[in-house]
C-alpha atoms as a PDB file:
ATOM      1  CA  MET A   1      24.066 -17.841  53.224  1.00  0.00           C
ATOM      2  CA  PRO A   2      25.757 -14.438  53.183  1.00  0.00           C
ATOM      3  CA  LYS A   3      23.679 -11.579  51.770  1.00  0.00           C
ATOM      4  CA  SER A   4      26.235 -10.932  49.023  1.00  0.00           C
ATOM      5  CA  LEU A   5      25.892 -14.509  47.760  1.00  0.00           C
ATOM      6  CA  ARG A   6      22.095 -14.249  47.717  1.00  0.00           C
ATOM      7  CA  ILE A   7      22.339 -11.073  45.627  1.00  0.00           C
ATOM      8  CA  LEU A   8      24.771 -12.723  43.219  1.00  0.00           C
ATOM      9  CA  GLY A   9      22.440 -15.703  42.966  1.00  0.00           C
ATOM     10  CA  ARG A  10      19.483 -13.504  42.030  1.00  0.00           C
ATOM     11  CA  ILE A  11      21.598 -11.712  39.424  1.00  0.00           C
ATOM     12  CA  ALA A  12      22.706 -15.048  37.966  1.00  0.00           C
ATOM     13  CA  VAL A  13      19.105 -16.269  37.720  1.00  0.00           C
ATOM     14  CA  ARG A  14      17.992 -13.063  36.002  1.00  0.00           C
ATOM     15  CA  LEU A  15      20.888 -13.171  33.557  1.00  0.00           C
ATOM     16  CA  THR A  16      20.071 -16.791  32.771  1.00  0.00           C
ATOM     17  CA  LEU A  17      16.432 -15.918  32.109  1.00  0.00           C
ATOM     18  CA  LEU A  18      17.482 -12.977  29.933  1.00  0.00           C
ATOM     19  CA  GLY A  19      19.830 -15.227  27.984  1.00  0.00           C
ATOM     20  CA  CYS A  20      17.023 -17.732  27.414  1.00  0.00           C
ATOM     21  CA  LEU A  21      14.721 -14.980  26.189  1.00  0.00           C
ATOM     22  CA  LEU A  22      17.365 -13.626  23.815  1.00  0.00           C
ATOM     23  CA  TRP A  23      18.141 -17.086  22.493  1.00  0.00           C
ATOM     24  CA  GLY A  24      14.445 -17.800  22.024  1.00  0.00           C
ATOM     25  CA  GLY A  25      13.954 -14.513  20.182  1.00  0.00           C
ATOM     26  CA  TRP A  26      16.947 -15.212  17.945  1.00  0.00           C
ATOM     27  CA  TRP A  27      15.586 -18.681  17.156  1.00  0.00           C
ATOM     28  CA  LEU A  28      12.136 -17.309  16.314  1.00  0.00           C
ATOM     29  CA  LEU A  29      13.685 -14.838  13.867  1.00  0.00           C
ATOM     30  CA  MET A  30      16.442 -16.927  12.309  1.00  0.00           C
ATOM     31  CA  ALA A  31      15.207 -20.516  12.310  1.00  0.00           C
ATOM     32  CA  GLY A  32      14.132 -21.739   8.896  1.00  0.00           C
ATOM     33  CA  ASP A  33      11.075 -23.352  10.435  1.00  0.00           C
ATOM     34  CA  SER A  34      10.186 -20.367  12.622  1.00  0.00           C
ATOM     35  CA  PRO A  35       6.605 -20.651  13.921  1.00  0.00           C
ATOM     36  CA  LEU A  36       6.117 -16.884  13.595  1.00  0.00           C
ATOM     37  CA  PRO A  37       3.462 -16.036  10.961  1.00  0.00           C
ATOM     38  CA  THR A  38       4.806 -14.067   7.996  1.00  0.00           C
ATOM     39  CA  GLN A  39       3.101 -10.836   9.056  1.00  0.00           C
ATOM     40  CA  TRP A  40       4.695 -10.965  12.524  1.00  0.00           C
ATOM     41  CA  HIS A  41       8.200 -11.884  11.351  1.00  0.00           C
ATOM     42  CA  PRO A  42      10.142  -8.608  10.952  1.00  0.00           C
ATOM     43  CA  LEU A  43      12.782 -10.173   8.699  1.00  0.00           C
ATOM     44  CA  LYS A  44      10.400 -11.804   6.233  1.00  0.00           C
ATOM     45  CA  PRO A  45       9.525  -9.720   3.148  1.00  0.00           C
ATOM     46  CA  LEU A  46       6.160  -8.084   2.586  1.00  0.00           C
ATOM     47  CA  ASP A  47       3.356 -10.378   1.487  1.00  0.00           C
ATOM     48  CA  VAL A  48       0.371  -8.432   0.151  1.00  0.00           C
ATOM     49  CA  ALA A  49      -2.041 -11.217   1.080  1.00  0.00           C
ATOM     50  CA  ALA A  50      -0.827 -11.578   4.679  1.00  0.00           C
ATOM     51  CA  ASP A  51      -2.896 -10.114   7.500  1.00  0.00           C
ATOM     52  CA  GLU A  52      -1.752  -6.771   8.874  1.00  0.00           C
ATOM     53  CA  SER A  53       0.542  -6.494  11.889  1.00  0.00           C
ATOM     54  CA  TRP A  54       2.737  -3.893  13.559  1.00  0.00           C
ATOM     55  CA  TRP A  55       5.425  -4.771  10.997  1.00  0.00           C
ATOM     56  CA  THR A  56       3.357  -4.312   7.836  1.00  0.00           C
ATOM     57  CA  GLY A  57       4.080  -0.601   7.427  1.00  0.00           C
ATOM     58  CA  VAL A  58       7.780  -1.183   8.071  1.00  0.00           C
ATOM     59  CA  LYS A  59       7.868  -3.944   5.470  1.00  0.00           C
ATOM     60  CA  LEU A  60       6.071  -1.743   2.929  1.00  0.00           C
ATOM     61  CA  ARG A  61       8.559   1.094   3.396  1.00  0.00           C
ATOM     62  CA  ARG A  62      11.397  -1.385   3.075  1.00  0.00           C
ATOM     63  CA  ALA A  63       9.909  -2.869  -0.094  1.00  0.00           C
ATOM     64  CA  VAL A  64       9.364   0.428  -1.925  1.00  0.00           C
ATOM     65  CA  SER A  65      12.935   1.518  -1.147  1.00  0.00           C
ATOM     66  CA  SER A  66      14.374  -1.272  -3.324  1.00  0.00           C
ATOM     67  CA  ASP A  67      13.383  -2.123  -6.891  1.00  0.00           C
ATOM     68  CA  ARG A  68      14.056  -5.827  -6.386  1.00  0.00           C
ATOM     69  CA  ALA A  69      12.169  -6.000  -3.081  1.00  0.00           C
ATOM     70  CA  CYS A  70       9.266  -4.033  -4.547  1.00  0.00           C
ATOM     71  CA  LEU A  71       8.851  -6.384  -7.499  1.00  0.00           C
ATOM     72  CA  ALA A  72       9.121  -9.418  -5.213  1.00  0.00           C
ATOM     73  CA  ALA A  73       6.371  -8.024  -2.982  1.00  0.00           C
ATOM     74  CA  LEU A  74       4.241  -7.160  -6.012  1.00  0.00           C
ATOM     75  CA  ASP A  75       4.452 -10.815  -7.071  1.00  0.00           C
ATOM     76  CA  THR A  76       2.421 -11.734  -3.975  1.00  0.00           C
ATOM     77  CA  GLY A  77      -0.621  -9.641  -4.817  1.00  0.00           C
ATOM     78  CA  ALA A  78      -0.798  -8.330  -8.374  1.00  0.00           C
ATOM     79  CA  ASP A  79      -0.747  -9.232 -12.047  1.00  0.00           C
ATOM     80  CA  TYR A  80       1.798  -7.067 -13.828  1.00  0.00           C
ATOM     81  CA  VAL A  81       4.516  -6.972 -16.449  1.00  0.00           C
ATOM     82  CA  SER A  82       7.911  -5.502 -15.619  1.00  0.00           C
ATOM     83  CA  LEU A  83       9.072  -3.038 -18.297  1.00  0.00           C
ATOM     84  CA  PRO A  84      12.313  -1.178 -19.044  1.00  0.00           C
ATOM     85  CA  PRO A  85      12.563   2.330 -17.568  1.00  0.00           C
ATOM     86  CA  LEU A  86      10.829   5.041 -19.581  1.00  0.00           C
ATOM     87  CA  GLU A  87      12.794   8.196 -20.293  1.00  0.00           C
ATOM     88  CA  GLY A  88      10.423  11.022 -21.106  1.00  0.00           C
ATOM     89  CA  GLU A  89      10.975  14.650 -21.951  1.00  0.00           C
ATOM     90  CA  GLY A  90      13.019  16.565 -19.390  1.00  0.00           C
ATOM     91  CA  ALA A  91      12.547  15.104 -15.914  1.00  0.00           C
ATOM     92  CA  CYS A  92       9.583  12.970 -16.981  1.00  0.00           C
ATOM     93  CA  GLY A  93       9.796   9.198 -16.972  1.00  0.00           C
ATOM     94  CA  ILE A  94       9.035   5.978 -15.099  1.00  0.00           C
ATOM     95  CA  ASP A  95      11.628   3.959 -13.169  1.00  0.00           C
ATOM     96  CA  PRO A  96      11.078   1.231 -12.093  1.00  0.00           C
ATOM     97  CA  ARG A  97       8.289   0.760 -14.618  1.00  0.00           C
ATOM     98  CA  VAL A  98       5.535  -1.844 -14.604  1.00  0.00           C
ATOM     99  CA  SER A  99       2.307  -2.391 -16.490  1.00  0.00           C
ATOM    100  CA  LEU A 100      -0.275  -3.168 -13.820  1.00  0.00           C
ATOM    101  CA  ARG A 101      -3.125  -5.455 -14.961  1.00  0.00           C
ATOM    102  CA  ALA A 102      -4.826  -6.508 -11.706  1.00  0.00           C
ATOM    103  CA  VAL A 103      -4.537  -6.182  -7.940  1.00  0.00           C
ATOM    104  CA  GLY A 104      -5.672  -9.307  -6.137  1.00  0.00           C
ATOM    105  CA  ASP A 105      -8.765 -10.532  -7.982  1.00  0.00           C
ATOM    106  CA  VAL A 106      -9.655  -7.026  -9.163  1.00  0.00           C
ATOM    107  CA  GLY A 107      -8.902  -6.255 -12.787  1.00  0.00           C
ATOM    108  CA  LEU A 108      -8.106  -2.880 -14.308  1.00  0.00           C
ATOM    109  CA  SER A 109      -7.178  -1.496 -17.694  1.00  0.00           C
ATOM    110  CA  PRO A 110      -3.398  -1.935 -17.981  1.00  0.00           C
ATOM    111  CA  VAL A 111      -1.687   1.116 -16.541  1.00  0.00           C
ATOM    112  CA  GLU A 112       2.008   1.953 -16.697  1.00  0.00           C
ATOM    113  CA  THR A 113       3.232   3.169 -13.337  1.00  0.00           C
ATOM    114  CA  THR A 114       6.041   2.771 -10.840  1.00  0.00           C
ATOM    115  CA  CYS A 115       6.417  -0.375  -8.786  1.00  0.00           C
ATOM    116  CA  ALA A 116       5.806   1.625  -5.600  1.00  0.00           C
ATOM    117  CA  VAL A 117       2.420   2.899  -6.804  1.00  0.00           C
ATOM    118  CA  ALA A 118       1.453  -0.566  -8.039  1.00  0.00           C
ATOM    119  CA  LEU A 119       2.402  -2.150  -4.708  1.00  0.00           C
ATOM    120  CA  ARG A 120       0.568   0.472  -2.676  1.00  0.00           C
ATOM    121  CA  THR A 121      -2.503  -0.020  -4.877  1.00  0.00           C
ATOM    122  CA  ALA A 122      -2.357  -3.763  -4.249  1.00  0.00           C
ATOM    123  CA  MET A 123      -2.177  -3.179  -0.485  1.00  0.00           C
ATOM    124  CA  TRP A 124      -5.119  -0.757  -0.707  1.00  0.00           C
ATOM    125  CA  GLU A 125      -7.232  -3.300  -2.573  1.00  0.00           C
ATOM    126  CA  ARG A 126      -6.401  -6.162  -0.213  1.00  0.00           C
ATOM    127  CA  HIS A 127      -6.674  -4.373   3.115  1.00  0.00           C
ATOM    128  CA  VAL A 128      -9.181  -1.566   2.432  1.00  0.00           C
ATOM    129  CA  LEU A 129     -11.338  -1.992  -0.672  1.00  0.00           C
ATOM    130  CA  ARG A 130     -11.989  -5.691  -0.177  1.00  0.00           C
ATOM    131  CA  PRO A 131     -13.352  -5.426   3.383  1.00  0.00           C
ATOM    132  CA  ALA A 132     -15.112  -2.116   2.652  1.00  0.00           C
ATOM    133  CA  SER A 133     -17.004  -3.653  -0.280  1.00  0.00           C
ATOM    134  CA  GLN A 134     -18.705  -6.182   2.015  1.00  0.00           C
ATOM    135  CA  THR A 135     -21.283  -3.525   2.897  1.00  0.00           C
ATOM    136  CA  LEU A 136     -22.185  -3.236  -0.808  1.00  0.00           C
ATOM    137  CA  GLY A 137     -23.379  -6.830  -1.071  1.00  0.00           C
ATOM    138  CA  SER A 138     -20.976  -7.743  -3.873  1.00  0.00           C
ATOM    139  CA  PRO A 139     -17.167  -7.859  -4.212  1.00  0.00           C
ATOM    140  CA  ILE A 140     -15.255  -5.521  -6.501  1.00  0.00           C
ATOM    141  CA  ALA A 141     -14.491  -6.933  -9.946  1.00  0.00           C
ATOM    142  CA  ARG A 142     -12.772  -3.973 -11.625  1.00  0.00           C
ATOM    143  CA  LEU A 143     -11.047  -0.778 -10.594  1.00  0.00           C
ATOM    144  CA  HIS A 144     -11.380   2.234 -12.912  1.00  0.00           C
ATOM    145  CA  HIS A 145      -8.535   4.717 -13.145  1.00  0.00           C
ATOM    146  CA  GLN A 146      -7.580   7.865 -15.026  1.00  0.00           C
ATOM    147  CA  SER A 147      -4.004   6.705 -15.664  1.00  0.00           C
ATOM    148  CA  SER A 148      -0.803   7.277 -13.745  1.00  0.00           C
ATOM    149  CA  TYR A 149       1.867   8.649 -16.107  1.00  0.00           C
ATOM    150  CA  ASN A 150       1.331  12.066 -17.653  1.00  0.00           C
ATOM    151  CA  CYS A 151       4.272  14.356 -18.409  1.00  0.00           C
ATOM    152  CA  ARG A 152       2.754  17.648 -17.263  1.00  0.00           C
ATOM    153  CA  PRO A 153       3.001  20.299 -14.550  1.00  0.00           C
ATOM    154  CA  ILE A 154       0.663  20.441 -11.576  1.00  0.00           C
ATOM    155  CA  ARG A 155      -2.702  21.768 -12.700  1.00  0.00           C
ATOM    156  CA  GLY A 156      -2.743  25.479 -11.987  1.00  0.00           C
ATOM    157  CA  SER A 157       1.070  25.613 -11.959  1.00  0.00           C
ATOM    158  CA  THR A 158       3.217  26.770 -14.862  1.00  0.00           C
ATOM    159  CA  SER A 159       6.499  25.137 -13.851  1.00  0.00           C
ATOM    160  CA  ARG A 160       6.339  22.577 -11.051  1.00  0.00           C
ATOM    161  CA  LEU A 161       5.982  19.038 -12.374  1.00  0.00           C
ATOM    162  CA  SER A 162       3.126  16.857 -11.205  1.00  0.00           C
ATOM    163  CA  THR A 163       3.933  13.528  -9.572  1.00  0.00           C
ATOM    164  CA  HIS A 164       2.140  12.078 -12.600  1.00  0.00           C
ATOM    165  CA  ALA A 165       5.161  13.191 -14.639  1.00  0.00           C
ATOM    166  CA  THR A 166       7.133  10.411 -12.955  1.00  0.00           C
ATOM    167  CA  ALA A 167       4.156   8.057 -12.466  1.00  0.00           C
ATOM    168  CA  GLU A 168       4.364   8.413  -8.693  1.00  0.00           C
ATOM    169  CA  ALA A 169       0.584   8.714  -8.432  1.00  0.00           C
ATOM    170  CA  ILE A 170      -2.518   7.053  -9.805  1.00  0.00           C
ATOM    171  CA  ASP A 171      -6.003   8.553 -10.152  1.00  0.00           C
ATOM    172  CA  VAL A 172      -8.905   6.224  -9.312  1.00  0.00           C
ATOM    173  CA  ARG A 173     -12.444   7.239 -10.248  1.00  0.00           C
ATOM    174  CA  GLY A 174     -14.697   4.211  -9.737  1.00  0.00           C
ATOM    175  CA  VAL A 175     -15.284   0.480  -9.380  1.00  0.00           C
ATOM    176  CA  THR A 176     -17.445  -2.182 -10.976  1.00  0.00           C
ATOM    177  CA  LEU A 177     -18.886  -4.827  -8.668  1.00  0.00           C
ATOM    178  CA  ALA A 178     -19.163  -8.516  -9.476  1.00  0.00           C
ATOM    179  CA  ASP A 179     -22.951  -8.140  -9.823  1.00  0.00           C
ATOM    180  CA  GLY A 180     -22.456  -5.588 -12.618  1.00  0.00           C
ATOM    181  CA  ARG A 181     -23.114  -2.369 -10.724  1.00  0.00           C
ATOM    182  CA  ARG A 182     -20.719   0.460 -11.529  1.00  0.00           C
ATOM    183  CA  LEU A 183     -19.995   2.974  -8.775  1.00  0.00           C
ATOM    184  CA  GLU A 184     -18.478   6.365  -9.573  1.00  0.00           C
ATOM    185  CA  LEU A 185     -16.844   8.554  -6.948  1.00  0.00           C
ATOM    186  CA  VAL A 186     -18.302  11.748  -8.416  1.00  0.00           C
ATOM    187  CA  SER A 187     -21.885  10.594  -7.855  1.00  0.00           C
ATOM    188  CA  GLY A 188     -21.411   8.430  -4.783  1.00  0.00           C
ATOM    189  CA  TRP A 189     -19.333  10.606  -2.471  1.00  0.00           C
ATOM    190  CA  THR A 190     -22.175  12.549  -0.851  1.00  0.00           C
ATOM    191  CA  GLY A 191     -25.030  11.145   1.187  1.00  0.00           C
ATOM    192  CA  ASP A 192     -25.317   8.717   4.064  1.00  0.00           C
ATOM    193  CA  GLY A 193     -25.959   5.440   2.237  1.00  0.00           C
ATOM    194  CA  ALA A 194     -23.798   2.365   1.766  1.00  0.00           C
ATOM    195  CA  GLU A 195     -22.054   3.743  -1.335  1.00  0.00           C
ATOM    196  CA  ALA A 196     -21.000   6.980   0.362  1.00  0.00           C
ATOM    197  CA  ALA A 197     -19.767   4.985   3.363  1.00  0.00           C
ATOM    198  CA  PHE A 198     -17.761   2.772   1.014  1.00  0.00           C
ATOM    199  CA  TRP A 199     -16.071   5.711  -0.701  1.00  0.00           C
ATOM    200  CA  ARG A 200     -15.199   7.379   2.585  1.00  0.00           C
ATOM    201  CA  ALA A 201     -13.764   4.142   3.937  1.00  0.00           C
ATOM    202  CA  ALA A 202     -11.788   3.816   0.692  1.00  0.00           C
ATOM    203  CA  ARG A 203     -10.371   7.336   1.104  1.00  0.00           C
ATOM    204  CA  ASP A 204      -9.575   6.977   4.800  1.00  0.00           C
ATOM    205  CA  GLY A 205      -7.959   3.585   4.269  1.00  0.00           C
ATOM    206  CA  ALA A 206      -5.913   4.816   1.314  1.00  0.00           C
ATOM    207  CA  CYS A 207      -4.139   7.155   3.706  1.00  0.00           C
ATOM    208  CA  ASP A 208      -2.659   4.092   5.437  1.00  0.00           C
ATOM    209  CA  TRP A 209      -1.005   2.847   2.253  1.00  0.00           C
ATOM    210  CA  PHE A 210      -0.251   5.970   0.197  1.00  0.00           C
ATOM    211  CA  VAL A 211       1.763   8.979   1.338  1.00  0.00           C
ATOM    212  CA  THR A 212      -0.584  11.609  -0.125  1.00  0.00           C
ATOM    213  CA  VAL A 213      -4.306  11.160  -0.815  1.00  0.00           C
ATOM    214  CA  LEU A 214      -6.468  13.862  -2.414  1.00  0.00           C
ATOM    215  CA  GLY A 215     -10.186  13.561  -3.124  1.00  0.00           C
ATOM    216  CA  PRO A 216     -13.442  15.528  -3.263  1.00  0.00           C
ATOM    217  CA  ASP A 217     -12.823  17.095   0.147  1.00  0.00           C
ATOM    218  CA  TYR A 218      -9.563  18.629  -1.136  1.00  0.00           C
ATOM    219  CA  ASN A 219     -10.776  20.761  -4.042  1.00  0.00           C
ATOM    220  CA  ALA A 220     -13.031  20.789  -7.106  1.00  0.00           C
ATOM    221  CA  LEU A 221     -10.256  19.412  -9.330  1.00  0.00           C
ATOM    222  CA  HIS A 222     -10.503  16.138  -7.401  1.00  0.00           C
ATOM    223  CA  ALA A 223     -14.301  15.926  -7.246  1.00  0.00           C
ATOM    224  CA  ASP A 224     -14.397  12.879  -9.526  1.00  0.00           C
ATOM    225  CA  HIS A 225     -11.314  10.892  -8.472  1.00  0.00           C
ATOM    226  CA  PHE A 226      -8.871   9.977  -5.738  1.00  0.00           C
ATOM    227  CA  HIS A 227      -5.309  11.107  -6.373  1.00  0.00           C
ATOM    228  CA  LEU A 228      -3.181   8.413  -4.704  1.00  0.00           C
ATOM    229  CA  GLN A 229       0.478   9.369  -4.432  1.00  0.00           C
ATOM    230  CA  SER A 230       3.544   7.433  -3.307  1.00  0.00           C
ATOM    231  CA  ARG A 231       5.459  10.414  -1.936  1.00  0.00           C
ATOM    232  CA  GLY A 232       4.754  13.764  -0.312  1.00  0.00           C
ATOM    233  CA  TRP A 233       4.049  15.172   3.136  1.00  0.00           C
ATOM    234  CA  GLY A 234       1.280  12.926   4.402  1.00  0.00           C
ATOM    235  CA  LEU A 235      -1.712  14.992   3.260  1.00  0.00           C
ATOM    236  CA  CYS A 236      -4.994  13.061   3.523  1.00  0.00           C
ATOM    237  CA  ARG A 237      -7.979  15.027   2.185  1.00  0.00           C
END
């Protein structure tokens, strides 16, 4: 067989294999009965309860960029009530606005916040707080917060609005475990015991799901709570 025909034959085989791979990939993505698990399917929406994958962060960013997608994702991992937008004084307000009642099996006092903050809180509970609490010997039953919406400037600033003015942050100060123990960040942050390890895991893990995370290591104003924010420049302290 001439050399040119052998080369063409190899090219044809490779193109055939490439075509099969492309067709197989298309089928995995588009088929209604695709065997790909939800977390590995890039076109399926975010499911809070699904295990993490390379696509989870992409799906979260996609969800928080659309009100409809955000609420649909929140349905998979939280108890909430969707509310009309809140128009506050000046630039203050909440849109899209939800009243968050629970994330996973963890209850909290109803808090009005944005869908993005609620969804990020649900992801934090499912993928960080839940596994971190295993070292405490009891699961988390309630999450204690210091609210989300507050029409005010940044503390120490006379003009620049806080992200709380648009409910784009939530302040978390403690948890209650199923066995009745209540853990507070202000008293549990220091030391080398299980509680301190839990709080540090909670802070470090929050940085995977929120854009800005401020806590006791940031400054004295945050000694008693985590400030968990849905926008910013990626600060994790």
